[in-house]
Structures are given as C-alpha cells and as structure tokens.
Amino acid sequence: MASIDYDSKIPNNVNLSDDRRLQRALEEWQPNFIDWWMEMGPDGFQADDVYLRTAVSVEKDGWAHFGHVKMPDYRWGIFLAPTEGERKVNFGDHMGEDAWQQVPGDYRNALRRIIVTQGDTEPASVEQQRQLGHSAPSLYDLRNLFQVNVEEGRHLWAMVYLLHSYFGRDGREEAEALLARRSGDSDSPRILGAFNEPIADWLSFFCFTTFTDRDGKYQLRALAESGFDPLARTCTFMLTEEAHHMFVGQTGVERILRRTAEATRGGADPKAAGVVPFEMVQRAVNLWYSLSLDLFGGEDSSNAALFFGAGLKGRDLEHKLDEHRALEQRYTLERVVGDRLVKEDVPLRRAMNEVLRDAYVNDCEKVVRSWNRALEEVGSDLRVALPSRRFNRAQGLYAGMHFTPDGEMTSAQAFETNRAAWLPTDEDRAYMRSLQTRAYTKPGEFAPWISPPTRGIDGQPVDFEYVKFCR
C-alpha cells in the first residue's frame, strides 16, 4: 500500500507525520473513504475542477485557501483549534479540573457514542445530496453544493481522527462503520432520522442547510465546551466551516422567496410563472424545521443530564454563563396529560437538550425574520412562519402526538386531513422535479425560479466560472 504524503495530502496540526500508529490506521481507512466518496459523493462531477475553499492551517490566513480542484483530490485535513493556556473543565461535576487529554475510563462509552453520532451525520448529508448537481440552478449554486459536500467529508475526517487516536480497536471499527451505513437504507440506515430523508430538490437542500446544519452548529457549540480537550478543539474548528453551510441555505431560501414574490406581483399564478409557490416553501420549512428539532433529543433526558454532569457536553456558550453546575435550578416543560398540556418543573440537568433547543429556536426565528424582511422589500404581503416545536415531532415528549403548526392539540384524523396543507406532498415533489429538469451550467446563467445572489464567492463576480467541466 502506498503511503500518504502527510505534509501535502492531509494538512494537519496534530503531528500526523510523527505518529506512526495513527499513520497506519489512516492508511487503511483513507482508501475506503475515497471508495465511499466515488460511490456516494456528488454523482457525475468527480473529474471537474471546482472553485473550493480548503483549510490548510488553523491560522486566520490559512483555513480558507481558494482554488479550482477536482473533488477526489481535495485536501481533507485534520485540525484542532489552538489552545489558549491550560484548559479546565468549565461545567458539571468536574468543574475546575484540568481538561482531559485522554479519554476518561468512566466516560469512554458515552464519549464514543457522542463522536460516532456526530460523525455519522457528515457522510449522511453527502449521500442525501449526491444527485442534486444534475439540477443545479447555476454554477454558483453548484459550487456551493460541492463546498458543503467536501467540508462534510472533512468533518468526517475530524471525527475519524478522534476515533482512531483515542479509542483503539473499537474506534477503528466505528470509523469503518461510518462508511458502511447509508442514508435511507432500510437495512443499515444512518443513526438520526433527518439524515435518512431524501433531498431530491434544491428547496429541500436549502431548507436542510438552513435548519439541519443549524442544528449541527448548536451541537458543535455544545461539544466545543467539552472537558475532553481534543473533542472541544476539533468542534471549535469545525464551526468555522459550518457558517458557510447555513449561509448557503438561508440565502438560497431567500432567493427563492424573492423570485416568487417578484413573479407573482399583481396576483399572477406562481406555477404559470414557473416559480415555487409560497405555500410550498412554507411546507418545506415546516418539514425540515420539525425534523431538525428532533435531532436535539428528548426534552427530559437522563442522557443529557449524564453528559452535562460528566463535563462531556455543555450548553451553548457555556463559558459565558454565570453558573456552571446546574444542581439547584429547574426548567419548566410542557407535558401532555390526557387532552391538555400541563407545565412541569424538572431538574435543569435533565432539560439540557431543551436548553440547547431554545438557543436553536431563537436563531431560527432570526432567520425567518430576515426572510420576511426580504419579502417586505419586494412589496409582498406574504410571510414565512416557524411551526410550533410540538408540530410533527418523532422524538421526545410530543412524539406520536398530533399538533397543528400553531401548537394546538388535534386528532390523528384532523392531522391527516390537513397534512397536505402543512407538509410537502407528492404533488409538491413532482412540481419541483418539473422545475429542475436540467442544470444551468453557463457562467451567469440562473434558473428562472430563483434570484441571483447579491455577490459571488471569495470576491469573485457572480458570473465567475465556479466549475470548469472536463466534458
């Protein structure tokens, strides 16, 4: 087996060139990763040159180098954020102790579970999106899709580094399993539900990167507080790349809304105008927001209490809070008792999933306000709204129950009667397919159902040749 050029092929700041054990592990894993990428990565574009951002160091001038590169040749690196003095565990029962440089034996299984779950989401999203390039609305959007894909691949490398470095044989087996599961596969699906949903159109992609990648932001921010120092520093660096993914989603949905509002000014029929009906956008928002809410886990969770108490997973911006043990505080949840909602106080530690979900919901509300400002700017009276966090839930206190988008309890029959008004339908999916029968691949060319962006990438013009096709 040919050895890897660790200085150029895998940019890193983990002393990879001097770690023979880790080298051997990655030399076995890397060919399997490339095989997975060629089989399950972007379909039909592997030989093309894409204007991609590559991280080559953690310094401000090193983590975002731009240039045309073929995706299989992308330099998937391994980076930990720099240390700033000696880190301490800054929350939970071990608060004030030195942060762990090795896995504490008592928390080995819990840490491995956290890392594997996070790692599983990264290749899953690549698999979900692998066919989207064939219906790209522009070269700009095609390039952004591929940027998201390669960075999800790099985030997979980040988690695999932790598994290989700190978990021995178990870690190596888990790293292989990350390449073996498949999004939506009935026999070996991805771990979390949202990552088994199909993403067959660009409205779904933009909603996914708005809402599901935003869940990723908050999971990473919670793990960036971890007392396990390598995990905390890994997630801190991953957050520098996650922001672009959310930008792609948020601006993508906004561009669809702007185009729809412009094309239907004066009451024109959106389908006759060849744009995405507003109600269809709202239904997609309802779906992907509710799927993403499930990713935080149960509102009342003994696992969340364990992770916090052990110092493994903190709250959003834990280091900025005044109190870090959460021993005396309570959190008020709403449970369903009979046919009504009843408030109940639970220990704060058990509500840590909900505390993190609160931060996420507040962030999503800001996104929706930005979309509504855009609609107002183009003279539209239409407004997007987030559904209640009780709507369409499959995890937690409201799983299997029925609520309207406004959060009112309803019957199963009433929910099914209104499903087509609240969630994407087969007709929606068929209409999106009819809009996206081909890719728009000439520089400066955009599909008629989406507005161009206000600016290009990395200071380049909007009509830059972001992808150079080999054919």
Protein backbone atom coordinates (compact mmCIF):
# COMPACT_ATOMS: atom_id res chain seq x y z
CA MET A 1 0.00 0.00 0.00
CA ALA A 2 1.39 3.39 -0.96
CA SER A 3 1.99 5.71 1.96
CA ILE A 4 0.27 9.07 2.27
CA ASP A 5 2.16 12.34 1.89
CA TYR A 6 1.21 13.75 5.27
CA ASP A 7 2.59 17.24 4.64
CA SER A 8 0.55 17.91 1.49
CA LYS A 9 -2.24 15.33 1.16
CA ILE A 10 -3.61 15.67 4.70
CA PRO A 11 -2.98 19.18 6.09
CA ASN A 12 -2.99 18.88 9.86
CA ASN A 13 -1.83 20.28 13.16
CA VAL A 14 -1.90 17.00 15.11
CA ASN A 15 1.69 15.97 14.38
CA LEU A 16 0.50 13.30 11.98
CA SER A 17 3.87 12.84 10.26
CA ASP A 18 5.44 11.67 13.56
CA ASP A 19 2.62 9.39 14.71
CA ARG A 20 3.28 6.03 13.09
CA ARG A 21 0.33 4.29 14.78
CA LEU A 22 -2.12 6.88 13.53
CA GLN A 23 -0.49 6.86 10.10
CA ARG A 24 -1.06 3.12 9.77
CA ALA A 25 -4.69 3.46 10.86
CA LEU A 26 -5.39 6.25 8.37
CA GLU A 27 -3.52 4.48 5.57
CA GLU A 28 -6.05 1.67 5.95
CA TRP A 29 -9.06 3.97 6.29
CA GLN A 30 -8.25 6.54 3.58
CA PRO A 31 -8.67 4.23 0.53
CA ASN A 32 -12.05 3.13 1.89
CA PHE A 33 -13.03 6.77 2.30
CA ILE A 34 -12.08 7.51 -1.31
CA ASP A 35 -14.04 4.46 -2.47
CA TRP A 36 -17.05 5.73 -0.49
CA TRP A 37 -16.62 9.23 -1.93
CA MET A 38 -16.52 7.95 -5.51
CA GLU A 39 -19.56 5.74 -4.93
CA MET A 40 -21.68 8.03 -2.74
CA GLY A 41 -20.30 11.54 -3.30
CA PRO A 42 -21.54 14.01 -5.95
CA ASP A 43 -22.64 11.94 -8.91
CA GLY A 44 -21.07 12.71 -12.29
CA PHE A 45 -18.80 15.62 -11.30
CA GLN A 46 -15.69 13.97 -9.88
CA ALA A 47 -13.46 14.88 -12.85
CA ASP A 48 -14.48 18.55 -12.93
CA ASP A 49 -12.49 21.45 -11.46
CA VAL A 50 -14.43 23.21 -8.70
CA TYR A 51 -13.56 26.52 -7.07
CA LEU A 52 -13.29 25.26 -3.49
CA ARG A 53 -12.19 26.59 -0.14
CA THR A 54 -9.59 24.39 1.53
CA ALA A 55 -8.35 24.60 5.10
CA VAL A 56 -4.56 24.20 5.26
CA SER A 57 -3.96 25.55 8.78
CA VAL A 58 -5.89 26.96 11.73
CA GLU A 59 -4.49 30.48 11.40
CA LYS A 60 -6.75 33.22 10.06
CA ASP A 61 -4.85 33.32 6.75
CA GLY A 62 -4.62 29.55 6.44
CA TRP A 63 -8.04 28.00 6.91
CA ALA A 64 -9.62 29.38 3.71
CA HIS A 65 -7.49 28.90 0.59
CA PHE A 66 -9.48 29.09 -2.66
CA GLY A 67 -8.73 27.50 -6.00
CA HIS A 68 -10.02 25.10 -8.64
CA VAL A 69 -9.55 21.47 -7.64
CA LYS A 70 -11.04 18.09 -8.53
CA MET A 71 -13.07 16.86 -5.58
CA PRO A 72 -11.31 13.48 -5.20
CA ASP A 73 -8.05 15.46 -4.90
CA TYR A 74 -9.43 17.76 -2.19
CA ARG A 75 -7.09 18.01 0.78
CA TRP A 76 -9.23 16.73 3.65
CA GLY A 77 -7.29 17.90 6.67
CA ILE A 78 -7.32 17.27 10.42
CA PHE A 79 -7.34 20.38 12.58
CA LEU A 80 -7.79 21.23 16.22
CA ALA A 81 -8.31 24.83 17.27
CA PRO A 82 -5.22 26.27 19.01
CA THR A 83 -5.01 26.04 22.77
CA GLU A 84 -5.16 29.21 24.84
CA GLY A 85 -3.34 28.34 28.03
CA GLU A 86 -4.27 25.27 30.07
CA ARG A 87 -7.94 24.39 29.58
CA LYS A 88 -10.10 23.41 32.51
CA VAL A 89 -13.38 21.55 32.63
CA ASN A 90 -15.72 24.52 32.90
CA PHE A 91 -19.02 22.88 33.90
CA GLY A 92 -20.56 19.86 35.60
CA ASP A 93 -19.22 17.72 38.42
CA HIS A 94 -15.59 18.02 37.30
CA MET A 95 -15.62 21.79 37.02
CA GLY A 96 -12.20 23.28 37.69
CA GLU A 97 -10.25 20.11 36.94
CA ASP A 98 -7.72 20.03 34.12
CA ALA A 99 -9.36 19.25 30.78
CA TRP A 100 -8.76 15.65 29.74
CA GLN A 101 -6.15 14.95 27.08
CA GLN A 102 -7.07 11.26 27.11
CA VAL A 103 -10.47 9.60 27.34
CA PRO A 104 -11.56 9.15 30.97
CA GLY A 105 -12.28 5.47 31.52
CA ASP A 106 -15.63 6.12 33.20
CA TYR A 107 -16.88 8.07 30.18
CA ARG A 108 -15.36 6.08 27.36
CA ASN A 109 -18.63 4.63 26.05
CA ALA A 110 -20.50 7.92 26.37
CA LEU A 111 -17.79 9.87 24.52
CA ARG A 112 -17.58 7.29 21.77
CA ARG A 113 -21.35 7.45 21.34
CA ILE A 114 -21.24 11.25 21.07
CA ILE A 115 -18.42 11.19 18.50
CA VAL A 116 -19.95 8.41 16.40
CA THR A 117 -23.35 10.11 16.33
CA GLN A 118 -21.80 13.40 15.23
CA GLY A 119 -19.55 11.63 12.73
CA ASP A 120 -22.45 9.72 11.19
CA THR A 121 -24.22 12.91 10.16
CA GLU A 122 -21.33 14.07 7.97
CA PRO A 123 -21.27 11.36 5.26
CA ALA A 124 -25.05 11.04 5.52
CA SER A 125 -25.67 14.53 4.18
CA VAL A 126 -23.28 13.93 1.26
CA GLU A 127 -25.26 10.81 0.39
CA GLN A 128 -28.57 12.66 0.62
CA GLN A 129 -27.37 15.35 -1.80
CA ARG A 130 -25.38 13.31 -4.31
CA GLN A 131 -27.79 13.75 -7.26
CA LEU A 132 -28.53 17.46 -6.83
CA GLY A 133 -25.79 18.62 -9.18
CA HIS A 134 -27.80 17.42 -12.18
CA SER A 135 -30.46 20.07 -11.48
CA ALA A 136 -28.29 22.94 -10.21
CA PRO A 137 -29.88 26.36 -10.73
CA SER A 138 -26.47 27.94 -11.51
CA LEU A 139 -22.71 27.38 -11.40
CA TYR A 140 -22.69 29.49 -8.23
CA ASP A 141 -25.13 27.11 -6.54
CA LEU A 142 -23.38 24.04 -7.92
CA ARG A 143 -20.11 25.21 -6.43
CA ASN A 144 -21.79 25.89 -3.07
CA LEU A 145 -23.27 22.40 -3.04
CA PHE A 146 -19.84 20.89 -3.63
CA GLN A 147 -18.25 23.12 -0.98
CA VAL A 148 -20.77 21.84 1.55
CA ASN A 149 -20.08 18.26 0.44
CA VAL A 150 -16.28 18.36 0.72
CA GLU A 151 -16.46 20.08 4.09
CA GLU A 152 -18.84 17.44 5.39
CA GLY A 153 -16.18 15.00 4.23
CA ARG A 154 -13.56 16.92 6.21
CA HIS A 155 -15.78 16.88 9.29
CA LEU A 156 -15.98 13.11 8.90
CA TRP A 157 -12.18 13.03 8.90
CA ALA A 158 -12.23 15.10 12.11
CA MET A 159 -14.39 12.56 13.93
CA VAL A 160 -12.47 9.61 12.49
CA TYR A 161 -9.23 11.15 13.77
CA LEU A 162 -10.69 11.14 17.29
CA LEU A 163 -11.90 7.56 16.96
CA HIS A 164 -8.56 6.31 15.65
CA SER A 165 -6.45 8.31 18.09
CA TYR A 166 -8.31 7.71 21.34
CA PHE A 167 -10.50 4.61 21.11
CA GLY A 168 -8.23 1.80 19.89
CA ARG A 169 -9.79 -1.13 18.07
CA ASP A 170 -13.31 -0.04 18.96
CA GLY A 171 -12.61 3.33 17.37
CA ARG A 172 -11.24 1.78 14.19
CA GLU A 173 -14.31 -0.42 13.87
CA GLU A 174 -16.61 2.56 14.40
CA ALA A 175 -14.69 4.51 11.75
CA GLU A 176 -15.27 1.74 9.24
CA ALA A 177 -18.96 1.60 10.16
CA LEU A 178 -19.27 5.31 9.34
CA LEU A 179 -18.50 4.38 5.73
CA ALA A 180 -20.75 1.31 5.74
CA ARG A 181 -24.10 2.85 6.71
CA ARG A 182 -26.15 4.53 4.00
CA SER A 183 -28.69 7.33 4.17
CA GLY A 184 -32.19 5.92 3.76
CA ASP A 185 -31.04 2.31 3.59
CA SER A 186 -33.65 0.00 5.12
CA ASP A 187 -31.05 -2.44 6.47
CA SER A 188 -28.26 -0.07 7.53
CA PRO A 189 -29.62 3.48 7.81
CA ARG A 190 -27.91 6.49 9.28
CA ILE A 191 -28.32 6.92 13.03
CA LEU A 192 -30.52 10.04 13.12
CA GLY A 193 -33.85 10.34 11.35
CA ALA A 194 -33.35 13.60 9.46
CA PHE A 195 -30.29 12.12 7.76
CA ASN A 196 -32.35 9.36 6.17
CA GLU A 197 -34.76 11.76 4.48
CA PRO A 198 -34.36 12.17 0.70
CA ILE A 199 -33.11 15.52 -0.63
CA ALA A 200 -34.21 15.37 -4.24
CA ASP A 201 -34.68 19.08 -4.98
CA TRP A 202 -32.99 22.37 -4.20
CA LEU A 203 -35.76 23.72 -1.99
CA SER A 204 -35.16 20.73 0.29
CA PHE A 205 -31.40 21.30 0.11
CA PHE A 206 -31.71 24.94 1.08
CA CYS A 207 -34.07 24.08 3.95
CA PHE A 208 -31.73 21.30 5.07
CA THR A 209 -28.71 23.60 5.15
CA THR A 210 -30.77 26.29 6.89
CA PHE A 211 -32.26 24.13 9.61
CA THR A 212 -30.37 20.84 9.87
CA ASP A 213 -26.93 22.38 9.52
CA ARG A 214 -28.03 24.94 12.11
CA ASP A 215 -28.73 22.05 14.47
CA GLY A 216 -25.15 20.99 13.71
CA LYS A 217 -23.96 24.45 14.75
CA TYR A 218 -25.53 24.09 18.18
CA GLN A 219 -24.38 20.51 18.68
CA LEU A 220 -20.83 21.60 17.83
CA ARG A 221 -21.05 24.62 20.13
CA ALA A 222 -22.13 22.35 22.98
CA LEU A 223 -19.31 19.91 22.26
CA ALA A 224 -16.80 22.75 21.91
CA GLU A 225 -17.29 23.20 25.68
CA SER A 226 -16.39 19.55 26.40
CA GLY A 227 -13.94 18.64 29.12
CA PHE A 228 -12.37 16.19 26.64
CA ASP A 229 -9.96 18.68 25.12
CA PRO A 230 -9.37 17.05 21.68
CA LEU A 231 -13.13 16.92 21.04
CA ALA A 232 -13.64 20.51 22.17
CA ARG A 233 -10.85 21.84 19.97
CA THR A 234 -11.94 19.76 16.98
CA CYS A 235 -15.51 21.07 17.18
CA THR A 236 -14.33 24.64 17.66
CA PHE A 237 -12.52 24.50 14.33
CA MET A 238 -15.42 22.75 12.59
CA LEU A 239 -17.61 25.71 13.48
CA THR A 240 -15.51 27.96 11.23
CA GLU A 241 -16.73 25.94 8.23
CA GLU A 242 -20.31 25.34 9.38
CA ALA A 243 -21.23 29.01 8.96
CA HIS A 244 -20.97 28.78 5.16
CA HIS A 245 -23.36 25.83 5.06
CA MET A 246 -26.04 27.83 6.87
CA PHE A 247 -25.34 30.84 4.63
CA VAL A 248 -25.99 28.66 1.57
CA GLY A 249 -29.34 27.55 2.98
CA GLN A 250 -30.57 30.85 4.36
CA THR A 251 -29.72 32.86 1.23
CA GLY A 252 -31.00 30.07 -1.02
CA VAL A 253 -34.47 30.09 0.54
CA GLU A 254 -34.45 33.90 0.46
CA ARG A 255 -33.60 33.92 -3.25
CA ILE A 256 -36.48 31.52 -3.98
CA LEU A 257 -38.88 33.72 -1.98
CA ARG A 258 -37.70 36.88 -3.73
CA ARG A 259 -38.16 35.37 -7.17
CA THR A 260 -41.63 34.06 -6.28
CA ALA A 261 -42.69 37.43 -4.87
CA GLU A 262 -41.42 39.28 -7.94
CA ALA A 263 -43.02 36.87 -10.42
CA THR A 264 -46.42 36.86 -8.69
CA ARG A 265 -46.68 40.60 -8.05
CA GLY A 266 -50.16 41.60 -9.12
CA GLY A 267 -51.66 38.18 -8.41
CA ALA A 268 -50.05 36.03 -11.11
CA ASP A 269 -50.27 32.26 -10.64
CA PRO A 270 -46.86 31.01 -9.44
CA LYS A 271 -46.97 27.74 -11.34
CA ALA A 272 -47.94 29.52 -14.55
CA ALA A 273 -44.97 31.84 -13.90
CA GLY A 274 -42.65 28.87 -13.36
CA VAL A 275 -41.69 29.75 -9.77
CA VAL A 276 -42.09 27.99 -6.42
CA PRO A 277 -45.45 28.73 -4.76
CA PHE A 278 -45.09 30.37 -1.37
CA GLU A 279 -47.19 27.67 0.30
CA MET A 280 -44.77 25.05 -0.98
CA VAL A 281 -41.86 26.89 0.64
CA GLN A 282 -43.79 27.08 3.92
CA ARG A 283 -44.49 23.35 3.85
CA ALA A 284 -40.79 22.60 3.27
CA VAL A 285 -39.90 24.88 6.18
CA ASN A 286 -42.41 23.05 8.38
CA LEU A 287 -40.87 19.68 7.49
CA TRP A 288 -37.16 20.44 7.83
CA TYR A 289 -37.56 22.57 10.93
CA SER A 290 -39.53 19.84 12.72
CA LEU A 291 -37.10 17.13 11.60
CA SER A 292 -34.23 19.22 12.89
CA LEU A 293 -35.91 19.85 16.25
CA ASP A 294 -35.92 16.08 16.76
CA LEU A 295 -32.12 15.98 16.43
CA PHE A 296 -31.73 17.58 19.87
CA GLY A 297 -33.26 14.55 21.57
CA GLY A 298 -35.84 14.30 24.31
CA GLU A 299 -36.90 17.32 26.33
CA ASP A 300 -36.48 15.38 29.59
CA SER A 301 -33.36 13.26 29.21
CA SER A 302 -31.25 11.29 31.67
CA ASN A 303 -28.53 11.05 29.00
CA ALA A 304 -28.42 14.83 28.70
CA ALA A 305 -28.03 15.05 32.50
CA LEU A 306 -25.22 12.48 32.40
CA PHE A 307 -23.37 14.25 29.58
CA PHE A 308 -23.58 17.60 31.38
CA GLY A 309 -22.68 16.30 34.82
CA ALA A 310 -19.71 14.40 33.39
CA GLY A 311 -18.41 17.51 31.63
CA LEU A 312 -18.80 15.93 28.18
CA LYS A 313 -21.34 18.28 26.58
CA GLY A 314 -22.18 21.76 27.79
CA ARG A 315 -24.75 24.39 26.98
CA ASP A 316 -24.48 26.86 24.15
CA LEU A 317 -21.72 29.34 25.09
CA GLU A 318 -21.38 27.65 28.48
CA HIS A 319 -18.19 29.58 29.19
CA LYS A 320 -20.17 32.86 29.11
CA LEU A 321 -22.76 31.79 31.69
CA ASP A 322 -22.63 32.73 35.37
CA GLU A 323 -23.41 29.31 36.86
CA HIS A 324 -21.97 26.03 35.57
CA ARG A 325 -23.12 23.16 37.78
CA ALA A 326 -26.91 23.25 37.28
CA LEU A 327 -27.56 21.44 40.54
CA GLU A 328 -30.32 23.57 42.07
CA GLN A 329 -32.07 25.08 39.06
CA ARG A 330 -35.28 23.80 37.50
CA TYR A 331 -36.68 24.05 33.98
CA THR A 332 -40.37 24.22 33.10
CA LEU A 333 -41.54 21.78 30.43
CA GLU A 334 -45.00 21.23 28.99
CA ARG A 335 -46.18 17.63 29.01
CA VAL A 336 -49.36 16.19 27.57
CA VAL A 337 -51.63 14.83 30.28
CA GLY A 338 -54.84 13.47 28.88
CA ASP A 339 -56.06 16.02 26.39
CA ARG A 340 -54.22 19.07 27.68
CA LEU A 341 -50.74 20.50 28.19
CA VAL A 342 -49.52 20.64 31.78
CA LYS A 343 -46.47 22.56 32.98
CA GLU A 344 -43.95 20.56 34.97
CA ASP A 345 -40.66 21.60 36.57
CA VAL A 346 -37.75 19.18 36.09
CA PRO A 347 -34.12 19.38 37.22
CA LEU A 348 -32.21 21.63 34.81
CA ARG A 349 -29.65 18.96 34.01
CA ARG A 350 -32.37 16.69 32.66
CA ALA A 351 -33.59 19.53 30.40
CA MET A 352 -30.22 20.29 28.78
CA ASN A 353 -31.44 19.13 25.36
CA GLU A 354 -34.30 21.60 25.61
CA VAL A 355 -31.97 24.39 26.77
CA LEU A 356 -29.88 23.84 23.64
CA ARG A 357 -33.05 23.64 21.53
CA ASP A 358 -34.12 27.02 22.97
CA ALA A 359 -30.96 28.62 21.58
CA TYR A 360 -31.57 26.94 18.23
CA VAL A 361 -35.19 28.12 18.04
CA ASN A 362 -34.15 31.70 18.79
CA ASP A 363 -31.59 31.53 15.98
CA CYS A 364 -34.14 30.10 13.53
CA GLU A 365 -36.56 32.89 14.41
CA LYS A 366 -33.89 35.42 13.36
CA VAL A 367 -33.54 33.60 10.03
CA VAL A 368 -37.28 33.77 9.39
CA ARG A 369 -37.33 37.46 10.24
CA SER A 370 -34.63 38.03 7.61
CA TRP A 371 -36.74 36.18 5.01
CA ASN A 372 -39.77 38.25 5.89
CA ARG A 373 -37.78 41.47 5.58
CA ALA A 374 -36.78 40.35 2.08
CA LEU A 375 -40.43 39.72 1.21
CA GLU A 376 -41.34 43.14 2.53
CA GLU A 377 -38.57 44.73 0.44
CA VAL A 378 -40.09 43.37 -2.76
CA GLY A 379 -43.58 44.52 -1.77
CA SER A 380 -45.05 41.15 -0.83
CA ASP A 381 -47.58 40.71 1.97
CA LEU A 382 -46.62 37.05 2.38
CA ARG A 383 -44.71 35.98 5.48
CA VAL A 384 -42.92 32.76 6.48
CA ALA A 385 -43.57 31.35 9.96
CA LEU A 386 -41.93 28.63 12.02
CA PRO A 387 -44.32 25.94 13.22
CA SER A 388 -44.63 25.16 16.91
CA ARG A 389 -41.87 22.99 18.32
CA ARG A 390 -44.62 20.47 19.12
CA PHE A 391 -45.58 20.05 15.46
CA ASN A 392 -44.67 16.85 13.56
CA ARG A 393 -42.31 15.50 16.20
CA ALA A 394 -40.96 11.94 16.21
CA GLN A 395 -38.69 12.30 19.28
CA GLY A 396 -39.30 13.49 22.81
CA LEU A 397 -42.42 14.41 24.74
CA TYR A 398 -44.55 15.06 21.65
CA ALA A 399 -43.57 12.06 19.57
CA GLY A 400 -46.55 10.25 18.11
CA MET A 401 -48.92 13.03 19.14
CA HIS A 402 -50.73 15.43 16.86
CA PHE A 403 -50.45 19.20 16.91
CA THR A 404 -51.23 21.91 14.40
CA PRO A 405 -48.42 24.20 13.20
CA ASP A 406 -49.76 26.69 15.76
CA GLY A 407 -49.14 24.15 18.53
CA GLU A 408 -52.75 23.26 19.26
CA MET A 409 -53.57 19.63 20.06
CA THR A 410 -55.59 17.91 17.39
CA SER A 411 -56.74 14.43 16.48
CA ALA A 412 -54.94 11.98 14.24
CA GLN A 413 -57.81 12.23 11.77
CA ALA A 414 -57.67 16.04 11.68
CA PHE A 415 -53.90 15.95 11.24
CA GLU A 416 -54.19 13.60 8.26
CA THR A 417 -56.95 15.75 6.78
CA ASN A 418 -54.66 18.78 6.92
CA ARG A 419 -51.36 17.05 6.14
CA ALA A 420 -51.30 18.28 2.55
CA ALA A 421 -51.67 21.88 3.75
CA TRP A 422 -48.93 21.55 6.38
CA LEU A 423 -46.25 19.21 4.94
CA PRO A 424 -44.76 18.58 1.47
CA THR A 425 -46.92 16.45 -0.81
CA ASP A 426 -46.25 14.18 -3.76
CA GLU A 427 -47.62 16.98 -5.92
CA ASP A 428 -45.04 19.39 -4.44
CA ARG A 429 -42.24 16.97 -5.20
CA ALA A 430 -43.48 16.40 -8.75
CA TYR A 431 -43.71 20.15 -9.36
CA MET A 432 -40.15 20.69 -8.09
CA ARG A 433 -38.98 17.95 -10.45
CA SER A 434 -40.72 19.73 -13.31
CA LEU A 435 -38.82 22.93 -12.50
CA GLN A 436 -35.49 21.16 -12.17
CA THR A 437 -35.21 19.04 -15.28
CA ARG A 438 -31.71 20.26 -16.09
CA ALA A 439 -28.72 22.06 -14.64
CA TYR A 440 -27.92 25.68 -15.53
CA THR A 441 -24.19 25.47 -16.18
CA LYS A 442 -23.20 28.60 -18.11
CA PRO A 443 -21.46 31.33 -16.08
CA GLY A 444 -24.01 33.94 -15.03
CA GLU A 445 -26.99 31.77 -16.05
CA PHE A 446 -29.69 31.16 -13.42
CA ALA A 447 -32.82 29.03 -13.34
CA PRO A 448 -35.96 31.17 -13.67
CA TRP A 449 -37.31 30.04 -10.28
CA ILE A 450 -34.51 31.58 -8.18
CA SER A 451 -32.97 35.05 -7.97
CA PRO A 452 -29.21 35.54 -8.45
CA PRO A 453 -27.18 36.24 -5.31
CA THR A 454 -26.09 39.76 -4.50
CA ARG A 455 -22.40 38.85 -4.68
CA GLY A 456 -20.10 36.00 -5.61
CA ILE A 457 -17.73 33.81 -3.60
CA ASP A 458 -14.31 34.99 -2.39
CA GLY A 459 -14.65 38.33 -4.10
CA GLN A 460 -15.33 36.72 -7.47
CA PRO A 461 -18.16 38.03 -9.67
CA VAL A 462 -21.49 36.24 -9.71
CA ASP A 463 -20.82 35.09 -13.30
CA PHE A 464 -17.42 33.59 -12.44
CA GLU A 465 -16.64 30.11 -13.82
CA TYR A 466 -17.02 28.39 -10.46
CA VAL A 467 -16.99 24.92 -12.05
CA LYS A 468 -14.88 24.02 -15.08
CA PHE A 469 -16.30 20.93 -16.74
CA CYS A 470 -13.97 18.36 -18.24
CA ARG A 471 -16.54 17.34 -20.85
